[in-house]
Amino acid sequence: MTTGSLYEIHDRRFGNLIVGSARLEELHSGCRWAEGPVWFNDANQLLWSDIPNQRIMRWTPEGGVSVYRQPSNFSNGHTRDRQGRLVSCEHGTRRVTRTEIDGSVTVLADSFEGKRLNSPNDVIVRSDGSVWFTDPTYGILSDYEGYRSEPEQKTRNVYRLDPESRELTAVVTDFNQPNGLAFSPDETTLYIADSGASHDATLPRHIRAFDVVDGLSLARGRVFALIDKGIPDGIRTDIAGNLWSSAADGVQCFAPDGTLLGKILVPQTVANLTFGGPRRNRLFIAATNSLYSIYVTAKGAQVP
């Protein structure tokens, strides 16, 4: 292993994914818990959550930082759908919403089998328009990131929302605390983080991989990678199929076979990340109180 002030190189392949001369830039500080970054290339802007402060923040290269929405219903994870609309997980309302082009908000999901969701956490949209999201209990554990409440769901699930019928299906039900999720570039694999160790060190701190069956269900779940510092939270893949995960010591990068390639060391615990910029080669990192960015040679797989 090669170490430095910014990188840990565990496998020589990591050297081809990073820019040796790049620096970690702090774009903003003053958040209470930064989360859920999503890049809008057509607007040249990044949105992210400051959950306890009930804010969705905006950053642009020209204008810097401003407040996009407040109150935000304790929004956490965000993504874009194939029409370029913002899709958000809201802890406070225990729902997944979509912000329409005119600014109105549509509720996509707030219950399953007649009972309220726990607190939707992170969300992605597949190329067929289906919405996949995780539903741990973090937003109802206290009044800090939502509203303290008893869970109505017996399990902490991962869901698929059908784009046509709006039918909500629990595709995985055996997680301790399902968290970040990301498709492989060809969408044949779904990666899901289990951050159960956040409140119990004996519980998982790993990322699982599942085969995606006909775009409808998941099969052959297996442990893909273990996070050795802290827990996995937000995750993303690049166009080569490498997976980039948040961790207590920064961003950890894994090859498609699960090998730890290396780390980008960050001064604060990382909650989430996304690729952005015009070429999708700028990694935006939401880390506790701050938003950071760093250029890499990898290119994010998410579209749009």
C-alpha atoms as a PDB file:
ATOM      1  CA  MET A   1       0.000   0.000   0.000  1.00  0.00           C
ATOM      2  CA  THR A   2       1.216   3.489  -0.881  1.00  0.00           C
ATOM      3  CA  THR A   3       0.080   6.357   1.324  1.00  0.00           C
ATOM      4  CA  GLY A   4       0.186  10.106   1.068  1.00  0.00           C
ATOM      5  CA  SER A   5      -1.593  13.132   2.464  1.00  0.00           C
ATOM      6  CA  LEU A   6      -4.507  12.735   0.046  1.00  0.00           C
ATOM      7  CA  TYR A   7      -4.490   9.191  -1.331  1.00  0.00           C
ATOM      8  CA  GLU A   8      -3.993   5.627  -0.199  1.00  0.00           C
ATOM      9  CA  ILE A   9      -3.156   3.381  -3.153  1.00  0.00           C
ATOM     10  CA  HIS A  10      -3.919  -0.272  -2.406  1.00  0.00           C
ATOM     11  CA  ASP A  11      -3.804  -1.465  -6.020  1.00  0.00           C
ATOM     12  CA  ARG A  12      -1.854   0.060  -8.898  1.00  0.00           C
ATOM     13  CA  ARG A  13      -5.078   0.338 -10.930  1.00  0.00           C
ATOM     14  CA  PHE A  14      -6.154   3.160  -8.636  1.00  0.00           C
ATOM     15  CA  GLY A  15      -3.374   5.307 -10.044  1.00  0.00           C
ATOM     16  CA  ASN A  16      -5.214   5.363 -13.365  1.00  0.00           C
ATOM     17  CA  LEU A  17      -8.386   6.695 -11.718  1.00  0.00           C
ATOM     18  CA  ILE A  18      -6.976   9.696  -9.871  1.00  0.00           C
ATOM     19  CA  VAL A  19      -5.194  12.907 -10.799  1.00  0.00           C
ATOM     20  CA  GLY A  20      -1.966  13.068  -8.848  1.00  0.00           C
ATOM     21  CA  SER A  21      -1.812  16.849  -8.896  1.00  0.00           C
ATOM     22  CA  ALA A  22      -5.469  17.391  -8.034  1.00  0.00           C
ATOM     23  CA  ARG A  23      -6.392  18.904  -4.702  1.00  0.00           C
ATOM     24  CA  LEU A  24      -9.363  18.439  -2.443  1.00  0.00           C
ATOM     25  CA  GLU A  25     -11.372  21.668  -2.537  1.00  0.00           C
ATOM     26  CA  GLU A  26     -13.763  22.683   0.234  1.00  0.00           C
ATOM     27  CA  LEU A  27     -16.610  24.409  -1.578  1.00  0.00           C
ATOM     28  CA  HIS A  28     -18.757  25.105   1.474  1.00  0.00           C
ATOM     29  CA  SER A  29     -18.817  24.587   5.234  1.00  0.00           C
ATOM     30  CA  GLY A  30     -21.380  25.229   7.939  1.00  0.00           C
ATOM     31  CA  CYS A  31     -23.712  22.293   7.387  1.00  0.00           C
ATOM     32  CA  ARG A  32     -24.858  20.168  10.304  1.00  0.00           C
ATOM     33  CA  TRP A  33     -24.943  16.937   8.274  1.00  0.00           C
ATOM     34  CA  ALA A  34     -24.279  17.192   4.543  1.00  0.00           C
ATOM     35  CA  GLU A  35     -25.857  14.477   2.376  1.00  0.00           C
ATOM     36  CA  GLY A  36     -27.390  13.503  -0.941  1.00  0.00           C
ATOM     37  CA  PRO A  37     -25.471  15.410  -3.662  1.00  0.00           C
ATOM     38  CA  VAL A  38     -26.919  15.345  -7.179  1.00  0.00           C
ATOM     39  CA  TRP A  39     -25.504  17.045 -10.280  1.00  0.00           C
ATOM     40  CA  PHE A  40     -27.633  18.884 -12.890  1.00  0.00           C
ATOM     41  CA  ASN A  41     -25.460  19.279 -15.963  1.00  0.00           C
ATOM     42  CA  ASP A  42     -28.021  21.292 -17.934  1.00  0.00           C
ATOM     43  CA  ALA A  43     -28.200  23.835 -15.093  1.00  0.00           C
ATOM     44  CA  ASN A  44     -24.480  23.572 -14.223  1.00  0.00           C
ATOM     45  CA  GLN A  45     -25.382  23.123 -10.566  1.00  0.00           C
ATOM     46  CA  LEU A  46     -25.110  20.732  -7.670  1.00  0.00           C
ATOM     47  CA  LEU A  47     -27.861  20.251  -5.103  1.00  0.00           C
ATOM     48  CA  TRP A  48     -27.279  18.575  -1.741  1.00  0.00           C
ATOM     49  CA  SER A  49     -29.005  18.195   1.621  1.00  0.00           C
ATOM     50  CA  ASP A  50     -28.187  19.755   4.964  1.00  0.00           C
ATOM     51  CA  ILE A  51     -30.567  17.462   6.802  1.00  0.00           C
ATOM     52  CA  PRO A  52     -30.781  18.824  10.386  1.00  0.00           C
ATOM     53  CA  ASN A  53     -30.998  22.409   9.102  1.00  0.00           C
ATOM     54  CA  GLN A  54     -33.934  21.446   6.859  1.00  0.00           C
ATOM     55  CA  ARG A  55     -32.248  22.820   3.758  1.00  0.00           C
ATOM     56  CA  ILE A  56     -31.481  21.731   0.231  1.00  0.00           C
ATOM     57  CA  MET A  57     -28.419  23.688  -0.845  1.00  0.00           C
ATOM     58  CA  ARG A  58     -27.259  24.710  -4.309  1.00  0.00           C
ATOM     59  CA  TRP A  59     -23.727  25.249  -5.617  1.00  0.00           C
ATOM     60  CA  THR A  60     -22.776  26.652  -9.005  1.00  0.00           C
ATOM     61  CA  PRO A  61     -19.270  27.398 -10.335  1.00  0.00           C
ATOM     62  CA  GLU A  62     -20.242  30.992 -11.059  1.00  0.00           C
ATOM     63  CA  GLY A  63     -22.492  31.846  -8.141  1.00  0.00           C
ATOM     64  CA  GLY A  64     -21.206  29.759  -5.271  1.00  0.00           C
ATOM     65  CA  VAL A  65     -23.611  28.534  -2.599  1.00  0.00           C
ATOM     66  CA  SER A  66     -27.236  29.436  -1.972  1.00  0.00           C
ATOM     67  CA  VAL A  67     -30.312  27.842  -0.418  1.00  0.00           C
ATOM     68  CA  TYR A  68     -32.417  25.961  -2.962  1.00  0.00           C
ATOM     69  CA  ARG A  69     -35.277  24.940  -0.641  1.00  0.00           C
ATOM     70  CA  GLN A  70     -36.134  25.526   3.004  1.00  0.00           C
ATOM     71  CA  PRO A  71     -37.846  23.859   4.771  1.00  0.00           C
ATOM     72  CA  SER A  72     -36.895  20.654   3.003  1.00  0.00           C
ATOM     73  CA  ASN A  73     -38.867  18.132   5.090  1.00  0.00           C
ATOM     74  CA  PHE A  74     -35.494  16.848   6.285  1.00  0.00           C
ATOM     75  CA  SER A  75     -34.611  15.695   2.762  1.00  0.00           C
ATOM     76  CA  ASN A  76     -31.723  13.239   2.502  1.00  0.00           C
ATOM     77  CA  GLY A  77     -30.810  11.468  -0.755  1.00  0.00           C
ATOM     78  CA  HIS A  78     -31.578  12.859  -4.210  1.00  0.00           C
ATOM     79  CA  THR A  79     -31.331  11.808  -7.828  1.00  0.00           C
ATOM     80  CA  ARG A  80     -32.686  12.849 -11.229  1.00  0.00           C
ATOM     81  CA  ASP A  81     -35.151  10.923 -13.316  1.00  0.00           C
ATOM     82  CA  ARG A  82     -34.871  10.447 -17.080  1.00  0.00           C
ATOM     83  CA  GLN A  83     -36.804  13.664 -17.667  1.00  0.00           C
ATOM     84  CA  GLY A  84     -34.353  15.654 -15.561  1.00  0.00           C
ATOM     85  CA  ARG A  85     -36.649  16.096 -12.556  1.00  0.00           C
ATOM     86  CA  LEU A  86     -35.408  16.056  -8.975  1.00  0.00           C
ATOM     87  CA  VAL A  87     -36.393  12.950  -6.995  1.00  0.00           C
ATOM     88  CA  SER A  88     -35.921  13.214  -3.230  1.00  0.00           C
ATOM     89  CA  CYS A  89     -36.152  11.114  -0.072  1.00  0.00           C
ATOM     90  CA  GLU A  90     -37.764  13.030   2.783  1.00  0.00           C
ATOM     91  CA  HIS A  91     -37.252  11.907   6.367  1.00  0.00           C
ATOM     92  CA  GLY A  92     -39.746  14.341   7.845  1.00  0.00           C
ATOM     93  CA  THR A  93     -42.704  13.259   5.724  1.00  0.00           C
ATOM     94  CA  ARG A  94     -41.449   9.667   5.319  1.00  0.00           C
ATOM     95  CA  ARG A  95     -41.944   9.789   1.569  1.00  0.00           C
ATOM     96  CA  VAL A  96     -40.267   9.921  -1.833  1.00  0.00           C
ATOM     97  CA  THR A  97     -41.171  12.957  -3.922  1.00  0.00           C
ATOM     98  CA  ARG A  98     -40.540  14.367  -7.376  1.00  0.00           C
ATOM     99  CA  THR A  99     -40.137  18.069  -8.071  1.00  0.00           C
ATOM    100  CA  GLU A 100     -41.787  18.849 -11.391  1.00  0.00           C
ATOM    101  CA  ILE A 101     -40.389  21.280 -13.937  1.00  0.00           C
ATOM    102  CA  ASP A 102     -42.883  23.932 -12.759  1.00  0.00           C
ATOM    103  CA  GLY A 103     -41.713  23.526  -9.154  1.00  0.00           C
ATOM    104  CA  SER A 104     -44.718  21.592  -7.875  1.00  0.00           C
ATOM    105  CA  VAL A 105     -44.084  18.459  -5.825  1.00  0.00           C
ATOM    106  CA  THR A 106     -45.546  15.032  -6.587  1.00  0.00           C
ATOM    107  CA  VAL A 107     -45.590  12.288  -3.962  1.00  0.00           C
ATOM    108  CA  LEU A 108     -44.265   9.052  -5.477  1.00  0.00           C
ATOM    109  CA  ALA A 109     -44.421   6.814  -2.389  1.00  0.00           C
ATOM    110  CA  ASP A 110     -45.259   7.253   1.294  1.00  0.00           C
ATOM    111  CA  SER A 111     -46.643   3.879   2.375  1.00  0.00           C
ATOM    112  CA  PHE A 112     -46.349   0.153   1.778  1.00  0.00           C
ATOM    113  CA  GLU A 113     -49.136  -2.337   2.380  1.00  0.00           C
ATOM    114  CA  GLY A 114     -51.181   0.339   4.117  1.00  0.00           C
ATOM    115  CA  LYS A 115     -48.490   1.408   6.600  1.00  0.00           C
ATOM    116  CA  ARG A 116     -46.183   4.410   6.562  1.00  0.00           C
ATOM    117  CA  LEU A 117     -42.654   4.015   5.276  1.00  0.00           C
ATOM    118  CA  ASN A 118     -39.833   4.289   7.821  1.00  0.00           C
ATOM    119  CA  SER A 119     -37.761   7.183   6.466  1.00  0.00           C
ATOM    120  CA  PRO A 120     -36.678   6.908   2.817  1.00  0.00           C
ATOM    121  CA  ASN A 121     -32.944   7.509   2.640  1.00  0.00           C
ATOM    122  CA  ASP A 122     -31.426   7.231  -0.827  1.00  0.00           C
ATOM    123  CA  VAL A 123     -32.854   6.824  -4.316  1.00  0.00           C
ATOM    124  CA  ILE A 124     -31.879   6.029  -7.904  1.00  0.00           C
ATOM    125  CA  VAL A 125     -33.793   5.814 -11.178  1.00  0.00           C
ATOM    126  CA  ARG A 126     -33.225   3.025 -13.701  1.00  0.00           C
ATOM    127  CA  SER A 127     -33.272   3.628 -17.449  1.00  0.00           C
ATOM    128  CA  ASP A 128     -36.802   2.173 -17.655  1.00  0.00           C
ATOM    129  CA  GLY A 129     -38.037   4.915 -15.317  1.00  0.00           C
ATOM    130  CA  SER A 130     -38.448   2.691 -12.265  1.00  0.00           C
ATOM    131  CA  VAL A 131     -37.536   4.307  -8.952  1.00  0.00           C
ATOM    132  CA  TRP A 132     -35.505   2.283  -6.442  1.00  0.00           C
ATOM    133  CA  PHE A 133     -35.020   3.495  -2.872  1.00  0.00           C
ATOM    134  CA  THR A 134     -33.900   2.392   0.581  1.00  0.00           C
ATOM    135  CA  ASP A 135     -35.991   2.746   3.737  1.00  0.00           C
ATOM    136  CA  PRO A 136     -33.997   2.480   6.997  1.00  0.00           C
ATOM    137  CA  THR A 137     -35.149   4.029  10.278  1.00  0.00           C
ATOM    138  CA  TYR A 138     -32.589   6.837  10.666  1.00  0.00           C
ATOM    139  CA  GLY A 139     -35.116   9.632  10.172  1.00  0.00           C
ATOM    140  CA  ILE A 140     -37.419   8.377  12.940  1.00  0.00           C
ATOM    141  CA  LEU A 141     -34.786   7.467  15.540  1.00  0.00           C
ATOM    142  CA  SER A 142     -34.765  11.013  16.958  1.00  0.00           C
ATOM    143  CA  ASP A 143     -35.926  14.556  16.282  1.00  0.00           C
ATOM    144  CA  TYR A 144     -32.534  15.554  14.822  1.00  0.00           C
ATOM    145  CA  GLU A 145     -32.987  14.364  11.219  1.00  0.00           C
ATOM    146  CA  GLY A 146     -36.768  13.975  11.204  1.00  0.00           C
ATOM    147  CA  TYR A 147     -39.451  13.230  13.772  1.00  0.00           C
ATOM    148  CA  ARG A 148     -39.018  10.535  16.380  1.00  0.00           C
ATOM    149  CA  SER A 149     -41.552   7.777  15.832  1.00  0.00           C
ATOM    150  CA  GLU A 150     -42.037   4.041  16.057  1.00  0.00           C
ATOM    151  CA  PRO A 151     -41.595   2.187  12.739  1.00  0.00           C
ATOM    152  CA  GLU A 152     -44.733   0.807  11.155  1.00  0.00           C
ATOM    153  CA  GLN A 153     -42.891  -1.500   8.764  1.00  0.00           C
ATOM    154  CA  LYS A 154     -41.715  -4.784  10.263  1.00  0.00           C
ATOM    155  CA  THR A 155     -38.534  -4.742   8.169  1.00  0.00           C
ATOM    156  CA  ARG A 156     -36.205  -2.170   6.654  1.00  0.00           C
ATOM    157  CA  ASN A 157     -36.623  -2.655   2.961  1.00  0.00           C
ATOM    158  CA  VAL A 158     -35.391  -1.714  -0.465  1.00  0.00           C
ATOM    159  CA  TYR A 159     -38.239  -0.844  -2.835  1.00  0.00           C
ATOM    160  CA  ARG A 160     -38.945  -0.626  -6.534  1.00  0.00           C
ATOM    161  CA  LEU A 161     -41.634   1.777  -7.760  1.00  0.00           C
ATOM    162  CA  ASP A 162     -43.067   0.874 -11.154  1.00  0.00           C
ATOM    163  CA  PRO A 163     -43.150   3.917 -13.463  1.00  0.00           C
ATOM    164  CA  GLU A 164     -46.468   2.984 -15.078  1.00  0.00           C
ATOM    165  CA  SER A 165     -48.609   1.287 -12.449  1.00  0.00           C
ATOM    166  CA  ARG A 166     -47.029   3.076  -9.446  1.00  0.00           C
ATOM    167  CA  GLU A 167     -46.986  -0.303  -7.721  1.00  0.00           C
ATOM    168  CA  LEU A 168     -44.460  -0.437  -4.895  1.00  0.00           C
ATOM    169  CA  THR A 169     -42.597  -3.724  -4.424  1.00  0.00           C
ATOM    170  CA  ALA A 170     -40.207  -4.672  -1.630  1.00  0.00           C
ATOM    171  CA  VAL A 171     -37.292  -6.213  -3.540  1.00  0.00           C
ATOM    172  CA  VAL A 172     -35.093  -6.880  -0.476  1.00  0.00           C
ATOM    173  CA  THR A 173     -36.295  -7.247   3.127  1.00  0.00           C
ATOM    174  CA  ASP A 174     -33.316  -8.638   5.074  1.00  0.00           C
ATOM    175  CA  PHE A 175     -31.154  -5.556   5.609  1.00  0.00           C
ATOM    176  CA  ASN A 176     -30.327  -4.094   9.003  1.00  0.00           C
ATOM    177  CA  GLN A 177     -30.190  -0.530   7.680  1.00  0.00           C
ATOM    178  CA  PRO A 178     -30.255  -0.284   3.862  1.00  0.00           C
ATOM    179  CA  ASN A 179     -28.595   2.925   2.785  1.00  0.00           C
ATOM    180  CA  GLY A 180     -26.917   4.041  -0.454  1.00  0.00           C
ATOM    181  CA  LEU A 181     -27.548   2.206  -3.707  1.00  0.00           C
ATOM    182  CA  ALA A 182     -26.180   2.260  -7.250  1.00  0.00           C
ATOM    183  CA  PHE A 183     -26.548   0.283 -10.456  1.00  0.00           C
ATOM    184  CA  SER A 184     -23.612  -1.061 -12.394  1.00  0.00           C
ATOM    185  CA  PRO A 185     -23.180   0.788 -15.725  1.00  0.00           C
ATOM    186  CA  ASP A 186     -25.133  -1.907 -17.619  1.00  0.00           C
ATOM    187  CA  GLU A 187     -27.781  -2.073 -14.856  1.00  0.00           C
ATOM    188  CA  THR A 188     -27.390  -5.836 -14.439  1.00  0.00           C
ATOM    189  CA  THR A 189     -26.149  -5.443 -10.859  1.00  0.00           C
ATOM    190  CA  LEU A 190     -27.551  -3.389  -8.004  1.00  0.00           C
ATOM    191  CA  TYR A 191     -25.213  -2.479  -5.149  1.00  0.00           C
ATOM    192  CA  ILE A 192     -26.771  -1.660  -1.765  1.00  0.00           C
ATOM    193  CA  ALA A 193     -24.979  -0.458   1.364  1.00  0.00           C
ATOM    194  CA  ASP A 194     -25.906  -1.866   4.774  1.00  0.00           C
ATOM    195  CA  SER A 195     -24.925   0.627   7.471  1.00  0.00           C
ATOM    196  CA  GLY A 196     -26.290  -1.307  10.438  1.00  0.00           C
ATOM    197  CA  ALA A 197     -23.011  -0.812  12.311  1.00  0.00           C
ATOM    198  CA  SER A 198     -23.816   2.895  12.714  1.00  0.00           C
ATOM    199  CA  HIS A 199     -25.609   2.100  15.971  1.00  0.00           C
ATOM    200  CA  ASP A 200     -24.344  -1.409  16.754  1.00  0.00           C
ATOM    201  CA  ALA A 201     -20.752  -2.406  16.014  1.00  0.00           C
ATOM    202  CA  THR A 202     -21.753  -6.055  15.679  1.00  0.00           C
ATOM    203  CA  LEU A 203     -23.988  -5.338  12.685  1.00  0.00           C
ATOM    204  CA  PRO A 204     -22.905  -5.065   9.016  1.00  0.00           C
ATOM    205  CA  ARG A 205     -20.729  -2.368   7.510  1.00  0.00           C
ATOM    206  CA  HIS A 206     -20.668  -3.821   4.030  1.00  0.00           C
ATOM    207  CA  ILE A 207     -21.980  -3.369   0.509  1.00  0.00           C
ATOM    208  CA  ARG A 208     -24.000  -6.169  -1.052  1.00  0.00           C
ATOM    209  CA  ALA A 209     -24.439  -6.900  -4.756  1.00  0.00           C
ATOM    210  CA  PHE A 210     -27.547  -8.352  -6.390  1.00  0.00           C
ATOM    211  CA  ASP A 211     -28.354  -9.566  -9.887  1.00  0.00           C
ATOM    212  CA  VAL A 212     -31.154  -7.517 -11.460  1.00  0.00           C
ATOM    213  CA  VAL A 213     -33.734  -9.871 -12.982  1.00  0.00           C
ATOM    214  CA  ASP A 214     -35.677  -8.407 -15.931  1.00  0.00           C
ATOM    215  CA  GLY A 215     -35.457  -4.967 -14.336  1.00  0.00           C
ATOM    216  CA  LEU A 216     -38.086  -6.080 -11.815  1.00  0.00           C
ATOM    217  CA  SER A 217     -36.511  -8.050  -8.983  1.00  0.00           C
ATOM    218  CA  LEU A 218     -33.215  -9.004  -7.358  1.00  0.00           C
ATOM    219  CA  ALA A 219     -31.460 -12.354  -6.974  1.00  0.00           C
ATOM    220  CA  ARG A 220     -28.219 -13.914  -5.726  1.00  0.00           C
ATOM    221  CA  GLY A 221     -27.415 -11.395  -3.031  1.00  0.00           C
ATOM    222  CA  ARG A 222     -23.800 -11.545  -1.823  1.00  0.00           C
ATOM    223  CA  VAL A 223     -21.344  -9.380   0.077  1.00  0.00           C
ATOM    224  CA  PHE A 224     -19.386  -7.292  -2.407  1.00  0.00           C
ATOM    225  CA  ALA A 225     -17.098  -5.233  -0.165  1.00  0.00           C
ATOM    226  CA  LEU A 226     -16.442  -4.395   3.458  1.00  0.00           C
ATOM    227  CA  ILE A 227     -15.823  -0.843   4.641  1.00  0.00           C
ATOM    228  CA  ASP A 228     -12.878  -0.917   7.041  1.00  0.00           C
ATOM    229  CA  LYS A 229     -13.371   2.578   8.514  1.00  0.00           C
ATOM    230  CA  GLY A 230     -16.829   3.624   9.610  1.00  0.00           C
ATOM    231  CA  ILE A 231     -19.798   2.539   7.503  1.00  0.00           C
ATOM    232  CA  PRO A 232     -20.852   2.628   3.862  1.00  0.00           C
ATOM    233  CA  ASP A 233     -23.439   5.300   3.155  1.00  0.00           C
ATOM    234  CA  GLY A 234     -23.741   6.851  -0.316  1.00  0.00           C
ATOM    235  CA  ILE A 235     -22.231   4.949  -3.256  1.00  0.00           C
ATOM    236  CA  ARG A 236     -21.702   5.552  -6.989  1.00  0.00           C
ATOM    237  CA  THR A 237     -20.222   3.661  -9.932  1.00  0.00           C
ATOM    238  CA  ASP A 238     -18.041   4.903 -12.773  1.00  0.00           C
ATOM    239  CA  ILE A 239     -18.265   3.898 -16.429  1.00  0.00           C
ATOM    240  CA  ALA A 240     -15.657   1.139 -15.915  1.00  0.00           C
ATOM    241  CA  GLY A 241     -17.802  -0.449 -13.217  1.00  0.00           C
ATOM    242  CA  ASN A 242     -15.685   0.600 -10.242  1.00  0.00           C
ATOM    243  CA  LEU A 243     -17.672   1.419  -7.118  1.00  0.00           C
ATOM    244  CA  TRP A 244     -16.927   4.517  -5.028  1.00  0.00           C
ATOM    245  CA  SER A 245     -18.182   4.487  -1.441  1.00  0.00           C
ATOM    246  CA  SER A 246     -18.364   6.918   1.426  1.00  0.00           C
ATOM    247  CA  ALA A 247     -16.506   5.952   4.616  1.00  0.00           C
ATOM    248  CA  ALA A 248     -15.258   7.462   7.861  1.00  0.00           C
ATOM    249  CA  ASP A 249     -11.814   8.143   6.390  1.00  0.00           C
ATOM    250  CA  GLY A 250     -12.956   9.459   3.026  1.00  0.00           C
ATOM    251  CA  VAL A 251     -13.952   7.836  -0.259  1.00  0.00           C
ATOM    252  CA  GLN A 252     -13.063   4.186  -0.866  1.00  0.00           C
ATOM    253  CA  CYS A 253     -12.883   2.819  -4.412  1.00  0.00           C
ATOM    254  CA  PHE A 254     -13.490  -0.842  -5.299  1.00  0.00           C
ATOM    255  CA  ALA A 255     -12.943  -2.723  -8.559  1.00  0.00           C
ATOM    256  CA  PRO A 256     -15.891  -4.648 -10.053  1.00  0.00           C
ATOM    257  CA  ASP A 257     -14.524  -7.799  -8.393  1.00  0.00           C
ATOM    258  CA  GLY A 258     -14.642  -6.154  -4.951  1.00  0.00           C
ATOM    259  CA  THR A 259     -10.909  -5.445  -4.611  1.00  0.00           C
ATOM    260  CA  LEU A 260     -10.133  -2.272  -2.673  1.00  0.00           C
ATOM    261  CA  LEU A 261      -8.195  -0.129  -5.150  1.00  0.00           C
ATOM    262  CA  GLY A 262      -7.579   2.913  -3.027  1.00  0.00           C
ATOM    263  CA  LYS A 263      -8.903   5.787  -0.975  1.00  0.00           C
ATOM    264  CA  ILE A 264      -9.282   9.534  -1.241  1.00  0.00           C
ATOM    265  CA  LEU A 265      -8.701  10.763   2.305  1.00  0.00           C
ATOM    266  CA  VAL A 266     -11.101  13.451   3.518  1.00  0.00           C
ATOM    267  CA  PRO A 267     -10.785  15.412   6.808  1.00  0.00           C
ATOM    268  CA  GLN A 268     -14.404  14.715   7.786  1.00  0.00           C
ATOM    269  CA  THR A 269     -16.568  11.599   7.748  1.00  0.00           C
ATOM    270  CA  VAL A 270     -18.071  11.224   4.275  1.00  0.00           C
ATOM    271  CA  ALA A 271     -21.812  10.633   3.975  1.00  0.00           C
ATOM    272  CA  ASN A 272     -22.350  10.661   0.225  1.00  0.00           C
ATOM    273  CA  LEU A 273     -20.825  11.515  -3.129  1.00  0.00           C
ATOM    274  CA  THR A 274     -21.626  11.944  -6.792  1.00  0.00           C
ATOM    275  CA  PHE A 275     -19.855  12.511 -10.077  1.00  0.00           C
ATOM    276  CA  GLY A 276     -20.530  15.814 -11.797  1.00  0.00           C
ATOM    277  CA  GLY A 277     -19.172  18.593 -13.923  1.00  0.00           C
ATOM    278  CA  PRO A 278     -19.537  18.815 -17.716  1.00  0.00           C
ATOM    279  CA  ARG A 279     -17.471  15.630 -18.195  1.00  0.00           C
ATOM    280  CA  ARG A 280     -18.708  13.809 -15.055  1.00  0.00           C
ATOM    281  CA  ASN A 281     -15.087  13.611 -13.848  1.00  0.00           C
ATOM    282  CA  ARG A 282     -15.442  15.834 -10.807  1.00  0.00           C
ATOM    283  CA  LEU A 283     -16.254  13.983  -7.604  1.00  0.00           C
ATOM    284  CA  PHE A 284     -18.490  15.970  -5.246  1.00  0.00           C
ATOM    285  CA  ILE A 285     -18.282  14.790  -1.638  1.00  0.00           C
ATOM    286  CA  ALA A 286     -20.763  15.562   1.145  1.00  0.00           C
ATOM    287  CA  ALA A 287     -18.800  15.137   4.385  1.00  0.00           C
ATOM    288  CA  THR A 288     -20.335  16.000   7.755  1.00  0.00           C
ATOM    289  CA  ASN A 289     -20.163  19.821   7.836  1.00  0.00           C
ATOM    290  CA  SER A 290     -18.765  20.483   4.349  1.00  0.00           C
ATOM    291  CA  LEU A 291     -19.065  20.007   0.625  1.00  0.00           C
ATOM    292  CA  TYR A 292     -15.810  19.043  -1.097  1.00  0.00           C
ATOM    293  CA  SER A 293     -14.816  18.308  -4.664  1.00  0.00           C
ATOM    294  CA  ILE A 294     -11.859  16.728  -6.416  1.00  0.00           C
ATOM    295  CA  TYR A 295     -11.116  15.959 -10.046  1.00  0.00           C
ATOM    296  CA  VAL A 296     -10.481  12.328 -11.012  1.00  0.00           C
ATOM    297  CA  THR A 297      -9.837  10.555 -14.297  1.00  0.00           C
ATOM    298  CA  ALA A 298     -12.810   8.252 -13.731  1.00  0.00           C
ATOM    299  CA  LYS A 299     -16.145   9.257 -15.234  1.00  0.00           C
ATOM    300  CA  GLY A 300     -19.435   8.772 -13.450  1.00  0.00           C
ATOM    301  CA  ALA A 301     -21.828   6.207 -14.840  1.00  0.00           C
ATOM    302  CA  GLN A 302     -25.055   7.816 -13.724  1.00  0.00           C
ATOM    303  CA  VAL A 303     -27.270   9.382 -16.368  1.00  0.00           C
ATOM    304  CA  PRO A 304     -28.550  12.043 -16.798  1.00  0.00           C
END
